[in-house]
Amino acid sequence: ENHCDTIKLRRMLCTNMEDLKEKTRAYYESYRRCRLEK
């Protein structure tokens, strides 16, 4: 970690996978709403 942030990125992806997926569902809901309204 003194040389680069690769391990930090790996750790944060693994510990926040579910939050990333929840945020993706929110983006999808926005897309879904627009498509259904059209």
PDB file of all heavy atoms in Angstrom:
ATOM      1  N   GLU A   1       0.809  -1.216   0.000  1.00  0.00           N
ATOM      2  CA  GLU A   1       0.000   0.000   0.000  1.00  0.00           C
ATOM      3  C   GLU A   1       0.843   1.268   0.000  1.00  0.00           C
ATOM      4  O   GLU A   1       0.321   2.356  -0.261  1.00  0.00           O
ATOM      5  CB  GLU A   1      -0.965  -0.014   1.184  1.00  0.00           C
ATOM      6  CG  GLU A   1      -2.025  -1.103   1.085  1.00  0.00           C
ATOM      7  CD  GLU A   1      -3.134  -0.952   2.115  1.00  0.00           C
ATOM      8  OE1 GLU A   1      -3.624   0.172   2.298  1.00  0.00           O
ATOM      9  OE2 GLU A   1      -3.497  -1.966   2.734  1.00  0.00           O
ATOM     10  N   ASN A   2       2.132   1.154   0.296  1.00  0.00           N
ATOM     11  CA  ASN A   2       3.002   2.314   0.207  1.00  0.00           C
ATOM     12  C   ASN A   2       3.427   2.584  -1.234  1.00  0.00           C
ATOM     13  O   ASN A   2       3.944   3.669  -1.542  1.00  0.00           O
ATOM     14  CB  ASN A   2       4.248   2.113   1.073  1.00  0.00           C
ATOM     15  CG  ASN A   2       3.928   2.090   2.556  1.00  0.00           C
ATOM     16  OD1 ASN A   2       3.081   2.869   3.013  1.00  0.00           O
ATOM     17  ND2 ASN A   2       4.575   1.216   3.305  1.00  0.00           N
ATOM     18  N   HIS A   3       3.229   1.585  -2.102  1.00  0.00           N
ATOM     19  CA  HIS A   3       3.630   1.727  -3.502  1.00  0.00           C
ATOM     20  C   HIS A   3       2.465   2.118  -4.406  1.00  0.00           C
ATOM     21  O   HIS A   3       2.661   2.814  -5.408  1.00  0.00           O
ATOM     22  CB  HIS A   3       4.255   0.422  -4.004  1.00  0.00           C
ATOM     23  CG  HIS A   3       5.595   0.136  -3.386  1.00  0.00           C
ATOM     24  ND1 HIS A   3       6.432  -0.871  -3.841  1.00  0.00           N
ATOM     25  CD2 HIS A   3       6.259   0.719  -2.357  1.00  0.00           C
ATOM     26  CE1 HIS A   3       7.535  -0.899  -3.117  1.00  0.00           C
ATOM     27  NE2 HIS A   3       7.446   0.061  -2.199  1.00  0.00           N
ATOM     28  N   CYS A   4       1.270   1.625  -4.113  1.00  0.00           N
ATOM     29  CA  CYS A   4       0.100   1.932  -4.943  1.00  0.00           C
ATOM     30  C   CYS A   4      -1.175   1.635  -4.154  1.00  0.00           C
ATOM     31  O   CYS A   4      -1.117   1.112  -3.040  1.00  0.00           O
ATOM     32  CB  CYS A   4       0.129   1.137  -6.258  1.00  0.00           C
ATOM     33  SG  CYS A   4       0.002  -0.656  -6.040  1.00  0.00           S
ATOM     34  N   ASP A   5      -2.325   1.938  -4.764  1.00  0.00           N
ATOM     35  CA  ASP A   5      -3.624   1.772  -4.090  1.00  0.00           C
ATOM     36  C   ASP A   5      -4.375   0.529  -4.542  1.00  0.00           C
ATOM     37  O   ASP A   5      -5.581   0.421  -4.285  1.00  0.00           O
ATOM     38  CB  ASP A   5      -4.510   2.999  -4.358  1.00  0.00           C
ATOM     39  CG  ASP A   5      -3.925   4.286  -3.810  1.00  0.00           C
ATOM     40  OD1 ASP A   5      -3.173   4.216  -2.823  1.00  0.00           O
ATOM     41  OD2 ASP A   5      -4.223   5.359  -4.380  1.00  0.00           O
ATOM     42  N   THR A   6      -3.713  -0.400  -5.198  1.00  0.00           N
ATOM     43  CA  THR A   6      -4.410  -1.570  -5.730  1.00  0.00           C
ATOM     44  C   THR A   6      -5.088  -2.380  -4.626  1.00  0.00           C
ATOM     45  O   THR A   6      -6.240  -2.812  -4.766  1.00  0.00           O
ATOM     46  CB  THR A   6      -3.428  -2.469  -6.516  1.00  0.00           C
ATOM     47  OG1 THR A   6      -2.850  -1.702  -7.578  1.00  0.00           O
ATOM     48  CG2 THR A   6      -4.141  -3.678  -7.106  1.00  0.00           C
ATOM     49  N   ILE A   7      -4.398  -2.579  -3.517  1.00  0.00           N
ATOM     50  CA  ILE A   7      -4.979  -3.343  -2.409  1.00  0.00           C
ATOM     51  C   ILE A   7      -6.148  -2.587  -1.790  1.00  0.00           C
ATOM     52  O   ILE A   7      -7.164  -3.187  -1.407  1.00  0.00           O
ATOM     53  CB  ILE A   7      -3.908  -3.650  -1.344  1.00  0.00           C
ATOM     54  CG1 ILE A   7      -2.902  -4.662  -1.896  1.00  0.00           C
ATOM     55  CG2 ILE A   7      -4.540  -4.206  -0.076  1.00  0.00           C
ATOM     56  CD1 ILE A   7      -3.522  -5.998  -2.266  1.00  0.00           C
ATOM     57  N   LYS A   8      -6.037  -1.277  -1.697  1.00  0.00           N
ATOM     58  CA  LYS A   8      -7.154  -0.473  -1.165  1.00  0.00           C
ATOM     59  C   LYS A   8      -8.377  -0.658  -2.050  1.00  0.00           C
ATOM     60  O   LYS A   8      -9.497  -0.825  -1.550  1.00  0.00           O
ATOM     61  CB  LYS A   8      -6.762   1.006  -1.120  1.00  0.00           C
ATOM     62  CG  LYS A   8      -5.688   1.367  -0.106  1.00  0.00           C
ATOM     63  CD  LYS A   8      -5.496   2.875  -0.073  1.00  0.00           C
ATOM     64  CE  LYS A   8      -4.389   3.280   0.894  1.00  0.00           C
ATOM     65  NZ  LYS A   8      -3.043   2.932   0.405  1.00  0.00           N
ATOM     66  N   LEU A   9      -8.191  -0.615  -3.363  1.00  0.00           N
ATOM     67  CA  LEU A   9      -9.305  -0.779  -4.288  1.00  0.00           C
ATOM     68  C   LEU A   9      -9.921  -2.167  -4.142  1.00  0.00           C
ATOM     69  O   LEU A   9     -11.160  -2.296  -4.093  1.00  0.00           O
ATOM     70  CB  LEU A   9      -8.829  -0.564  -5.722  1.00  0.00           C
ATOM     71  CG  LEU A   9      -9.867  -0.807  -6.828  1.00  0.00           C
ATOM     72  CD1 LEU A   9     -11.089   0.073  -6.641  1.00  0.00           C
ATOM     73  CD2 LEU A   9      -9.238  -0.581  -8.195  1.00  0.00           C
ATOM     74  N   ARG A  10      -9.092  -3.194  -4.050  1.00  0.00           N
ATOM     75  CA  ARG A  10      -9.608  -4.564  -3.885  1.00  0.00           C
ATOM     76  C   ARG A  10     -10.430  -4.679  -2.602  1.00  0.00           C
ATOM     77  O   ARG A  10     -11.535  -5.225  -2.610  1.00  0.00           O
ATOM     78  CB  ARG A  10      -8.466  -5.573  -3.849  1.00  0.00           C
ATOM     79  CG  ARG A  10      -8.941  -7.016  -3.596  1.00  0.00           C
ATOM     80  CD  ARG A  10      -7.790  -7.885  -3.116  1.00  0.00           C
ATOM     81  NE  ARG A  10      -6.842  -8.133  -4.169  1.00  0.00           N
ATOM     82  CZ  ARG A  10      -5.619  -8.648  -3.964  1.00  0.00           C
ATOM     83  NH1 ARG A  10      -5.222  -8.932  -2.737  1.00  0.00           N
ATOM     84  NH2 ARG A  10      -4.798  -8.855  -4.974  1.00  0.00           N
ATOM     85  N   ARG A  11      -9.883  -4.153  -1.508  1.00  0.00           N
ATOM     86  CA  ARG A  11     -10.557  -4.251  -0.216  1.00  0.00           C
ATOM     87  C   ARG A  11     -11.906  -3.525  -0.246  1.00  0.00           C
ATOM     88  O   ARG A  11     -12.915  -4.039   0.243  1.00  0.00           O
ATOM     89  CB  ARG A  11      -9.661  -3.653   0.873  1.00  0.00           C
ATOM     90  CG  ARG A  11     -10.267  -3.728   2.269  1.00  0.00           C
ATOM     91  CD  ARG A  11      -9.237  -3.385   3.330  1.00  0.00           C
ATOM     92  NE  ARG A  11      -8.656  -2.073   3.143  1.00  0.00           N
ATOM     93  CZ  ARG A  11      -7.370  -1.837   2.927  1.00  0.00           C
ATOM     94  NH1 ARG A  11      -6.504  -2.851   2.877  1.00  0.00           N
ATOM     95  NH2 ARG A  11      -6.919  -0.607   2.770  1.00  0.00           N
ATOM     96  N   MET A  12     -11.931  -2.360  -0.865  1.00  0.00           N
ATOM     97  CA  MET A  12     -13.161  -1.581  -0.878  1.00  0.00           C
ATOM     98  C   MET A  12     -14.210  -2.193  -1.803  1.00  0.00           C
ATOM     99  O   MET A  12     -15.407  -2.132  -1.521  1.00  0.00           O
ATOM    100  CB  MET A  12     -12.867  -0.135  -1.280  1.00  0.00           C
ATOM    101  CG  MET A  12     -11.904   0.576  -0.343  1.00  0.00           C
ATOM    102  SD  MET A  12     -12.238   0.297   1.414  1.00  0.00           S
ATOM    103  CE  MET A  12     -13.793   1.134   1.598  1.00  0.00           C
ATOM    104  N   LEU A  13     -13.789  -2.788  -2.911  1.00  0.00           N
ATOM    105  CA  LEU A  13     -14.747  -3.462  -3.791  1.00  0.00           C
ATOM    106  C   LEU A  13     -15.385  -4.647  -3.072  1.00  0.00           C
ATOM    107  O   LEU A  13     -16.603  -4.853  -3.141  1.00  0.00           O
ATOM    108  CB  LEU A  13     -14.056  -3.941  -5.068  1.00  0.00           C
ATOM    109  CG  LEU A  13     -13.722  -2.887  -6.127  1.00  0.00           C
ATOM    110  CD1 LEU A  13     -12.988  -3.539  -7.295  1.00  0.00           C
ATOM    111  CD2 LEU A  13     -14.969  -2.180  -6.623  1.00  0.00           C
ATOM    112  N   CYS A  14     -14.570  -5.421  -2.373  1.00  0.00           N
ATOM    113  CA  CYS A  14     -15.070  -6.626  -1.712  1.00  0.00           C
ATOM    114  C   CYS A  14     -15.979  -6.287  -0.533  1.00  0.00           C
ATOM    115  O   CYS A  14     -16.997  -6.960  -0.314  1.00  0.00           O
ATOM    116  CB  CYS A  14     -13.911  -7.505  -1.253  1.00  0.00           C
ATOM    117  SG  CYS A  14     -13.016  -8.303  -2.613  1.00  0.00           S
ATOM    118  N   THR A  15     -15.649  -5.268   0.231  1.00  0.00           N
ATOM    119  CA  THR A  15     -16.445  -4.936   1.417  1.00  0.00           C
ATOM    120  C   THR A  15     -17.677  -4.104   1.088  1.00  0.00           C
ATOM    121  O   THR A  15     -18.557  -3.941   1.938  1.00  0.00           O
ATOM    122  CB  THR A  15     -15.594  -4.192   2.466  1.00  0.00           C
ATOM    123  OG1 THR A  15     -15.025  -3.018   1.869  1.00  0.00           O
ATOM    124  CG2 THR A  15     -14.480  -5.072   2.999  1.00  0.00           C
ATOM    125  N   ASN A  16     -17.755  -3.579  -0.130  1.00  0.00           N
ATOM    126  CA  ASN A  16     -18.894  -2.733  -0.498  1.00  0.00           C
ATOM    127  C   ASN A  16     -19.644  -3.254  -1.720  1.00  0.00           C
ATOM    128  O   ASN A  16     -20.395  -2.504  -2.356  1.00  0.00           O
ATOM    129  CB  ASN A  16     -18.416  -1.299  -0.762  1.00  0.00           C
ATOM    130  CG  ASN A  16     -17.913  -0.614   0.488  1.00  0.00           C
ATOM    131  OD1 ASN A  16     -18.684  -0.137   1.319  1.00  0.00           O
ATOM    132  ND2 ASN A  16     -16.592  -0.574   0.639  1.00  0.00           N
ATOM    133  N   MET A  17     -19.478  -4.538  -2.034  1.00  0.00           N
ATOM    134  CA  MET A  17     -20.155  -5.111  -3.201  1.00  0.00           C
ATOM    135  C   MET A  17     -21.669  -4.947  -3.116  1.00  0.00           C
ATOM    136  O   MET A  17     -22.326  -4.587  -4.104  1.00  0.00           O
ATOM    137  CB  MET A  17     -19.800  -6.593  -3.356  1.00  0.00           C
ATOM    138  CG  MET A  17     -18.555  -6.854  -4.151  1.00  0.00           C
ATOM    139  SD  MET A  17     -18.355  -8.619  -4.518  1.00  0.00           S
ATOM    140  CE  MET A  17     -16.768  -8.594  -5.388  1.00  0.00           C
ATOM    141  N   GLU A  18     -22.242  -5.214  -1.956  1.00  0.00           N
ATOM    142  CA  GLU A  18     -23.693  -5.136  -1.818  1.00  0.00           C
ATOM    143  C   GLU A  18     -24.194  -3.703  -1.963  1.00  0.00           C
ATOM    144  O   GLU A  18     -25.251  -3.460  -2.536  1.00  0.00           O
ATOM    145  CB  GLU A  18     -24.149  -5.725  -0.482  1.00  0.00           C
ATOM    146  CG  GLU A  18     -24.327  -7.225  -0.505  1.00  0.00           C
ATOM    147  CD  GLU A  18     -25.252  -7.697  -1.630  1.00  0.00           C
ATOM    148  OE1 GLU A  18     -26.373  -7.170  -1.758  1.00  0.00           O
ATOM    149  OE2 GLU A  18     -24.850  -8.591  -2.386  1.00  0.00           O
ATOM    150  N   ASP A  19     -23.419  -2.750  -1.463  1.00  0.00           N
ATOM    151  CA  ASP A  19     -23.832  -1.354  -1.618  1.00  0.00           C
ATOM    152  C   ASP A  19     -23.775  -0.953  -3.086  1.00  0.00           C
ATOM    153  O   ASP A  19     -24.663  -0.244  -3.580  1.00  0.00           O
ATOM    154  CB  ASP A  19     -22.931  -0.436  -0.795  1.00  0.00           C
ATOM    155  CG  ASP A  19     -23.399   1.015  -0.846  1.00  0.00           C
ATOM    156  OD1 ASP A  19     -24.438   1.315  -0.228  1.00  0.00           O
ATOM    157  OD2 ASP A  19     -22.746   1.831  -1.525  1.00  0.00           O
ATOM    158  N   LEU A  20     -22.748  -1.399  -3.805  1.00  0.00           N
ATOM    159  CA  LEU A  20     -22.635  -1.114  -5.234  1.00  0.00           C
ATOM    160  C   LEU A  20     -23.829  -1.701  -5.990  1.00  0.00           C
ATOM    161  O   LEU A  20     -24.387  -1.065  -6.896  1.00  0.00           O
ATOM    162  CB  LEU A  20     -21.332  -1.687  -5.786  1.00  0.00           C
ATOM    163  CG  LEU A  20     -20.054  -0.941  -5.386  1.00  0.00           C
ATOM    164  CD1 LEU A  20     -18.823  -1.810  -5.629  1.00  0.00           C
ATOM    165  CD2 LEU A  20     -19.933   0.371  -6.149  1.00  0.00           C
ATOM    166  N   LYS A  21     -24.262  -2.895  -5.589  1.00  0.00           N
ATOM    167  CA  LYS A  21     -25.396  -3.535  -6.247  1.00  0.00           C
ATOM    168  C   LYS A  21     -26.710  -2.819  -5.904  1.00  0.00           C
ATOM    169  O   LYS A  21     -27.600  -2.693  -6.753  1.00  0.00           O
ATOM    170  CB  LYS A  21     -25.451  -5.019  -5.866  1.00  0.00           C
ATOM    171  CG  LYS A  21     -24.249  -5.806  -6.384  1.00  0.00           C
ATOM    172  CD  LYS A  21     -24.202  -7.221  -5.880  1.00  0.00           C
ATOM    173  CE  LYS A  21     -25.022  -8.153  -6.711  1.00  0.00           C
ATOM    174  NZ  LYS A  21     -24.754  -9.571  -6.417  1.00  0.00           N
ATOM    175  N   GLU A  22     -26.820  -2.340  -4.669  1.00  0.00           N
ATOM    176  CA  GLU A  22     -28.016  -1.581  -4.285  1.00  0.00           C
ATOM    177  C   GLU A  22     -28.110  -0.281  -5.079  1.00  0.00           C
ATOM    178  O   GLU A  22     -29.189   0.100  -5.550  1.00  0.00           O
ATOM    179  CB  GLU A  22     -27.986  -1.270  -2.785  1.00  0.00           C
ATOM    180  CG  GLU A  22     -28.373  -2.438  -1.906  1.00  0.00           C
ATOM    181  CD  GLU A  22     -28.378  -2.066  -0.429  1.00  0.00           C
ATOM    182  OE1 GLU A  22     -28.434  -0.853  -0.133  1.00  0.00           O
ATOM    183  OE2 GLU A  22     -28.334  -2.978   0.413  1.00  0.00           O
ATOM    184  N   LYS A  23     -26.976   0.394  -5.236  1.00  0.00           N
ATOM    185  CA  LYS A  23     -26.969   1.632  -6.021  1.00  0.00           C
ATOM    186  C   LYS A  23     -27.319   1.336  -7.471  1.00  0.00           C
ATOM    187  O   LYS A  23     -28.016   2.116  -8.132  1.00  0.00           O
ATOM    188  CB  LYS A  23     -25.584   2.287  -5.946  1.00  0.00           C
ATOM    189  CG  LYS A  23     -25.158   2.788  -4.573  1.00  0.00           C
ATOM    190  CD  LYS A  23     -25.870   4.062  -4.196  1.00  0.00           C
ATOM    191  CE  LYS A  23     -25.179   4.764  -3.024  1.00  0.00           C
ATOM    192  NZ  LYS A  23     -25.002   3.924  -1.835  1.00  0.00           N
ATOM    193  N   THR A  24     -26.863   0.198  -7.991  1.00  0.00           N
ATOM    194  CA  THR A  24     -27.192  -0.194  -9.365  1.00  0.00           C
ATOM    195  C   THR A  24     -28.686  -0.408  -9.516  1.00  0.00           C
ATOM    196  O   THR A  24     -29.284  -0.025 -10.531  1.00  0.00           O
ATOM    197  CB  THR A  24     -26.429  -1.481  -9.749  1.00  0.00           C
ATOM    198  OG1 THR A  24     -25.022  -1.237  -9.667  1.00  0.00           O
ATOM    199  CG2 THR A  24     -26.770  -1.919 -11.172  1.00  0.00           C
ATOM    200  N   ARG A  25     -29.309  -1.019  -8.507  1.00  0.00           N
ATOM    201  CA  ARG A  25     -30.764  -1.212  -8.555  1.00  0.00           C
ATOM    202  C   ARG A  25     -31.491   0.135  -8.599  1.00  0.00           C
ATOM    203  O   ARG A  25     -32.525   0.270  -9.261  1.00  0.00           O
ATOM    204  CB  ARG A  25     -31.225  -2.052  -7.363  1.00  0.00           C
ATOM    205  CG  ARG A  25     -30.887  -3.537  -7.495  1.00  0.00           C
ATOM    206  CD  ARG A  25     -31.573  -4.378  -6.429  1.00  0.00           C
ATOM    207  NE  ARG A  25     -30.914  -4.266  -5.148  1.00  0.00           N
ATOM    208  CZ  ARG A  25     -29.922  -5.059  -4.738  1.00  0.00           C
ATOM    209  NH1 ARG A  25     -29.483  -6.015  -5.540  1.00  0.00           N
ATOM    210  NH2 ARG A  25     -29.383  -4.911  -3.542  1.00  0.00           N
ATOM    211  N   ALA A  26     -30.944   1.126  -7.905  1.00  0.00           N
ATOM    212  CA  ALA A  26     -31.549   2.465  -7.939  1.00  0.00           C
ATOM    213  C   ALA A  26     -31.429   3.077  -9.329  1.00  0.00           C
ATOM    214  O   ALA A  26     -32.382   3.700  -9.832  1.00  0.00           O
ATOM    215  CB  ALA A  26     -30.883   3.368  -6.899  1.00  0.00           C
ATOM    216  N   TYR A  27     -30.263   2.909  -9.975  1.00  0.00           N
ATOM    217  CA  TYR A  27     -30.095   3.402 -11.344  1.00  0.00           C
ATOM    218  C   TYR A  27     -31.059   2.684 -12.288  1.00  0.00           C
ATOM    219  O   TYR A  27     -31.644   3.291 -13.192  1.00  0.00           O
ATOM    220  CB  TYR A  27     -28.658   3.183 -11.818  1.00  0.00           C
ATOM    221  CG  TYR A  27     -27.640   4.086 -11.163  1.00  0.00           C
ATOM    222  CD1 TYR A  27     -26.469   3.565 -10.607  1.00  0.00           C
ATOM    223  CD2 TYR A  27     -27.825   5.466 -11.113  1.00  0.00           C
ATOM    224  CE1 TYR A  27     -25.535   4.391 -10.008  1.00  0.00           C
ATOM    225  CE2 TYR A  27     -26.893   6.300 -10.512  1.00  0.00           C
ATOM    226  CZ  TYR A  27     -25.741   5.753  -9.961  1.00  0.00           C
ATOM    227  OH  TYR A  27     -24.818   6.576  -9.376  1.00  0.00           O
ATOM    228  N   TYR A  28     -31.227   1.390 -12.067  1.00  0.00           N
ATOM    229  CA  TYR A  28     -32.149   0.616 -12.905  1.00  0.00           C
ATOM    230  C   TYR A  28     -33.582   1.100 -12.720  1.00  0.00           C
ATOM    231  O   TYR A  28     -34.335   1.213 -13.697  1.00  0.00           O
ATOM    232  CB  TYR A  28     -32.056  -0.869 -12.574  1.00  0.00           C
ATOM    233  CG  TYR A  28     -33.182  -1.673 -13.187  1.00  0.00           C
ATOM    234  CD1 TYR A  28     -33.237  -1.906 -14.556  1.00  0.00           C
ATOM    235  CD2 TYR A  28     -34.227  -2.163 -12.391  1.00  0.00           C
ATOM    236  CE1 TYR A  28     -34.295  -2.606 -15.117  1.00  0.00           C
ATOM    237  CE2 TYR A  28     -35.278  -2.867 -12.945  1.00  0.00           C
ATOM    238  CZ  TYR A  28     -35.310  -3.089 -14.309  1.00  0.00           C
ATOM    239  OH  TYR A  28     -36.355  -3.773 -14.873  1.00  0.00           O
ATOM    240  N   GLU A  29     -33.972   1.383 -11.482  1.00  0.00           N
ATOM    241  CA  GLU A  29     -35.334   1.846 -11.227  1.00  0.00           C
ATOM    242  C   GLU A  29     -35.609   3.145 -11.978  1.00  0.00           C
ATOM    243  O   GLU A  29     -36.711   3.360 -12.491  1.00  0.00           O
ATOM    244  CB  GLU A  29     -35.558   2.047  -9.727  1.00  0.00           C
ATOM    245  CG  GLU A  29     -35.704   0.753  -8.949  1.00  0.00           C
ATOM    246  CD  GLU A  29     -36.885  -0.086  -9.413  1.00  0.00           C
ATOM    247  OE1 GLU A  29     -37.945   0.506  -9.725  1.00  0.00           O
ATOM    248  OE2 GLU A  29     -36.745  -1.315  -9.465  1.00  0.00           O
ATOM    249  N   SER A  30     -34.607   4.010 -12.052  1.00  0.00           N
ATOM    250  CA  SER A  30     -34.765   5.258 -12.792  1.00  0.00           C
ATOM    251  C   SER A  30     -34.953   4.975 -14.285  1.00  0.00           C
ATOM    252  O   SER A  30     -35.825   5.568 -14.941  1.00  0.00           O
ATOM    253  CB  SER A  30     -33.542   6.152 -12.580  1.00  0.00           C
ATOM    254  OG  SER A  30     -33.630   7.332 -13.348  1.00  0.00           O
ATOM    255  N   TYR A  31     -34.155   4.054 -14.815  1.00  0.00           N
ATOM    256  CA  TYR A  31     -34.281   3.664 -16.227  1.00  0.00           C
ATOM    257  C   TYR A  31     -35.650   3.034 -16.480  1.00  0.00           C
ATOM    258  O   TYR A  31     -36.330   3.359 -17.455  1.00  0.00           O
ATOM    259  CB  TYR A  31     -33.168   2.676 -16.591  1.00  0.00           C
ATOM    260  CG  TYR A  31     -33.277   2.118 -17.994  1.00  0.00           C
ATOM    261  CD1 TYR A  31     -32.705   2.794 -19.078  1.00  0.00           C
ATOM    262  CD2 TYR A  31     -33.966   0.927 -18.258  1.00  0.00           C
ATOM    263  CE1 TYR A  31     -32.808   2.293 -20.362  1.00  0.00           C
ATOM    264  CE2 TYR A  31     -34.082   0.430 -19.539  1.00  0.00           C
ATOM    265  CZ  TYR A  31     -33.499   1.115 -20.589  1.00  0.00           C
ATOM    266  OH  TYR A  31     -33.617   0.626 -21.873  1.00  0.00           O
ATOM    267  N   ARG A  32     -36.056   2.148 -15.578  1.00  0.00           N
ATOM    268  CA  ARG A  32     -37.332   1.435 -15.715  1.00  0.00           C
ATOM    269  C   ARG A  32     -38.503   2.404 -15.720  1.00  0.00           C
ATOM    270  O   ARG A  32     -39.435   2.284 -16.537  1.00  0.00           O
ATOM    271  CB  ARG A  32     -37.473   0.432 -14.568  1.00  0.00           C
ATOM    272  CG  ARG A  32     -38.787  -0.342 -14.532  1.00  0.00           C
ATOM    273  CD  ARG A  32     -38.806  -1.278 -13.331  1.00  0.00           C
ATOM    274  NE  ARG A  32     -40.074  -2.008 -13.239  1.00  0.00           N
ATOM    275  CZ  ARG A  32     -41.155  -1.544 -12.660  1.00  0.00           C
ATOM    276  NH1 ARG A  32     -41.135  -0.328 -12.101  1.00  0.00           N
ATOM    277  NH2 ARG A  32     -42.251  -2.269 -12.608  1.00  0.00           N
ATOM    278  N   ARG A  33     -38.465   3.362 -14.822  1.00  0.00           N
ATOM    279  CA  ARG A  33     -39.550   4.335 -14.737  1.00  0.00           C
ATOM    280  C   ARG A  33     -39.678   5.119 -16.047  1.00  0.00           C
ATOM    281  O   ARG A  33     -40.779   5.294 -16.580  1.00  0.00           O
ATOM    282  CB  ARG A  33     -39.306   5.303 -13.576  1.00  0.00           C
ATOM    283  CG  ARG A  33     -40.433   6.318 -13.389  1.00  0.00           C
ATOM    284  CD  ARG A  33     -40.181   7.250 -12.228  1.00  0.00           C
ATOM    285  NE  ARG A  33     -39.037   8.124 -12.464  1.00  0.00           N
ATOM    286  CZ  ARG A  33     -37.877   8.009 -11.840  1.00  0.00           C
ATOM    287  NH1 ARG A  33     -37.688   7.065 -10.934  1.00  0.00           N
ATOM    288  NH2 ARG A  33     -36.893   8.846 -12.101  1.00  0.00           N
ATOM    289  N   CYS A  34     -38.544   5.580 -16.573  1.00  0.00           N
ATOM    290  CA  CYS A  34     -38.567   6.343 -17.823  1.00  0.00           C
ATOM    291  C   CYS A  34     -39.086   5.508 -18.983  1.00  0.00           C
ATOM    292  O   CYS A  34     -39.875   5.987 -19.812  1.00  0.00           O
ATOM    293  CB  CYS A  34     -37.159   6.858 -18.143  1.00  0.00           C
ATOM    294  SG  CYS A  34     -36.565   8.125 -17.006  1.00  0.00           S
ATOM    295  N   ARG A  35     -38.661   4.250 -19.048  1.00  0.00           N
ATOM    296  CA  ARG A  35     -39.084   3.375 -20.151  1.00  0.00           C
ATOM    297  C   ARG A  35     -40.588   3.094 -20.074  1.00  0.00           C
ATOM    298  O   ARG A  35     -41.294   3.139 -21.081  1.00  0.00           O
ATOM    299  CB  ARG A  35     -38.314   2.061 -20.116  1.00  0.00           C
ATOM    300  CG  ARG A  35     -36.896   2.175 -20.580  1.00  0.00           C
ATOM    301  CD  ARG A  35     -36.784   2.343 -22.099  1.00  0.00           C
ATOM    302  NE  ARG A  35     -37.109   1.102 -22.798  1.00  0.00           N
ATOM    303  CZ  ARG A  35     -38.087   0.975 -23.683  1.00  0.00           C
ATOM    304  NH1 ARG A  35     -38.863   2.007 -23.978  1.00  0.00           N
ATOM    305  NH2 ARG A  35     -38.295  -0.182 -24.301  1.00  0.00           N
ATOM    306  N   LEU A  36     -41.090   2.817 -18.879  1.00  0.00           N
ATOM    307  CA  LEU A  36     -42.507   2.509 -18.727  1.00  0.00           C
ATOM    308  C   LEU A  36     -43.378   3.740 -18.987  1.00  0.00           C
ATOM    309  O   LEU A  36     -44.477   3.638 -19.549  1.00  0.00           O
ATOM    310  CB  LEU A  36     -42.786   1.935 -17.338  1.00  0.00           C
ATOM    311  CG  LEU A  36     -42.197   0.553 -17.054  1.00  0.00           C
ATOM    312  CD1 LEU A  36     -42.550   0.089 -15.654  1.00  0.00           C
ATOM    313  CD2 LEU A  36     -42.657  -0.477 -18.088  1.00  0.00           C
ATOM    314  N   GLU A  37     -42.889   4.912 -18.594  1.00  0.00           N
ATOM    315  CA  GLU A  37     -43.644   6.135 -18.868  1.00  0.00           C
ATOM    316  C   GLU A  37     -43.722   6.400 -20.366  1.00  0.00           C
ATOM    317  O   GLU A  37     -44.754   6.861 -20.872  1.00  0.00           O
ATOM    318  CB  GLU A  37     -43.006   7.324 -18.140  1.00  0.00           C
ATOM    319  CG  GLU A  37     -43.244   7.307 -16.635  1.00  0.00           C
ATOM    320  CD  GLU A  37     -42.548   8.444 -15.924  1.00  0.00           C
ATOM    321  OE1 GLU A  37     -41.729   9.135 -16.580  1.00  0.00           O
ATOM    322  OE2 GLU A  37     -42.808   8.634 -14.716  1.00  0.00           O
ATOM    323  N   LYS A  38     -42.641   6.094 -21.084  1.00  0.00           N
ATOM    324  CA  LYS A  38     -42.657   6.251 -22.543  1.00  0.00           C
ATOM    325  C   LYS A  38     -43.645   5.286 -23.194  1.00  0.00           C
ATOM    326  O   LYS A  38     -44.207   5.570 -24.251  1.00  0.00           O
ATOM    327  CB  LYS A  38     -41.254   6.024 -23.112  1.00  0.00           C
ATOM    328  CG  LYS A  38     -40.295   7.161 -22.860  1.00  0.00           C
ATOM    329  CD  LYS A  38     -38.929   6.889 -23.482  1.00  0.00           C
ATOM    330  CE  LYS A  38     -37.970   8.044 -23.225  1.00  0.00           C
ATOM    331  NZ  LYS A  38     -36.622   7.775 -23.799  1.00  0.00           N
TER     332      LYS A  38
END
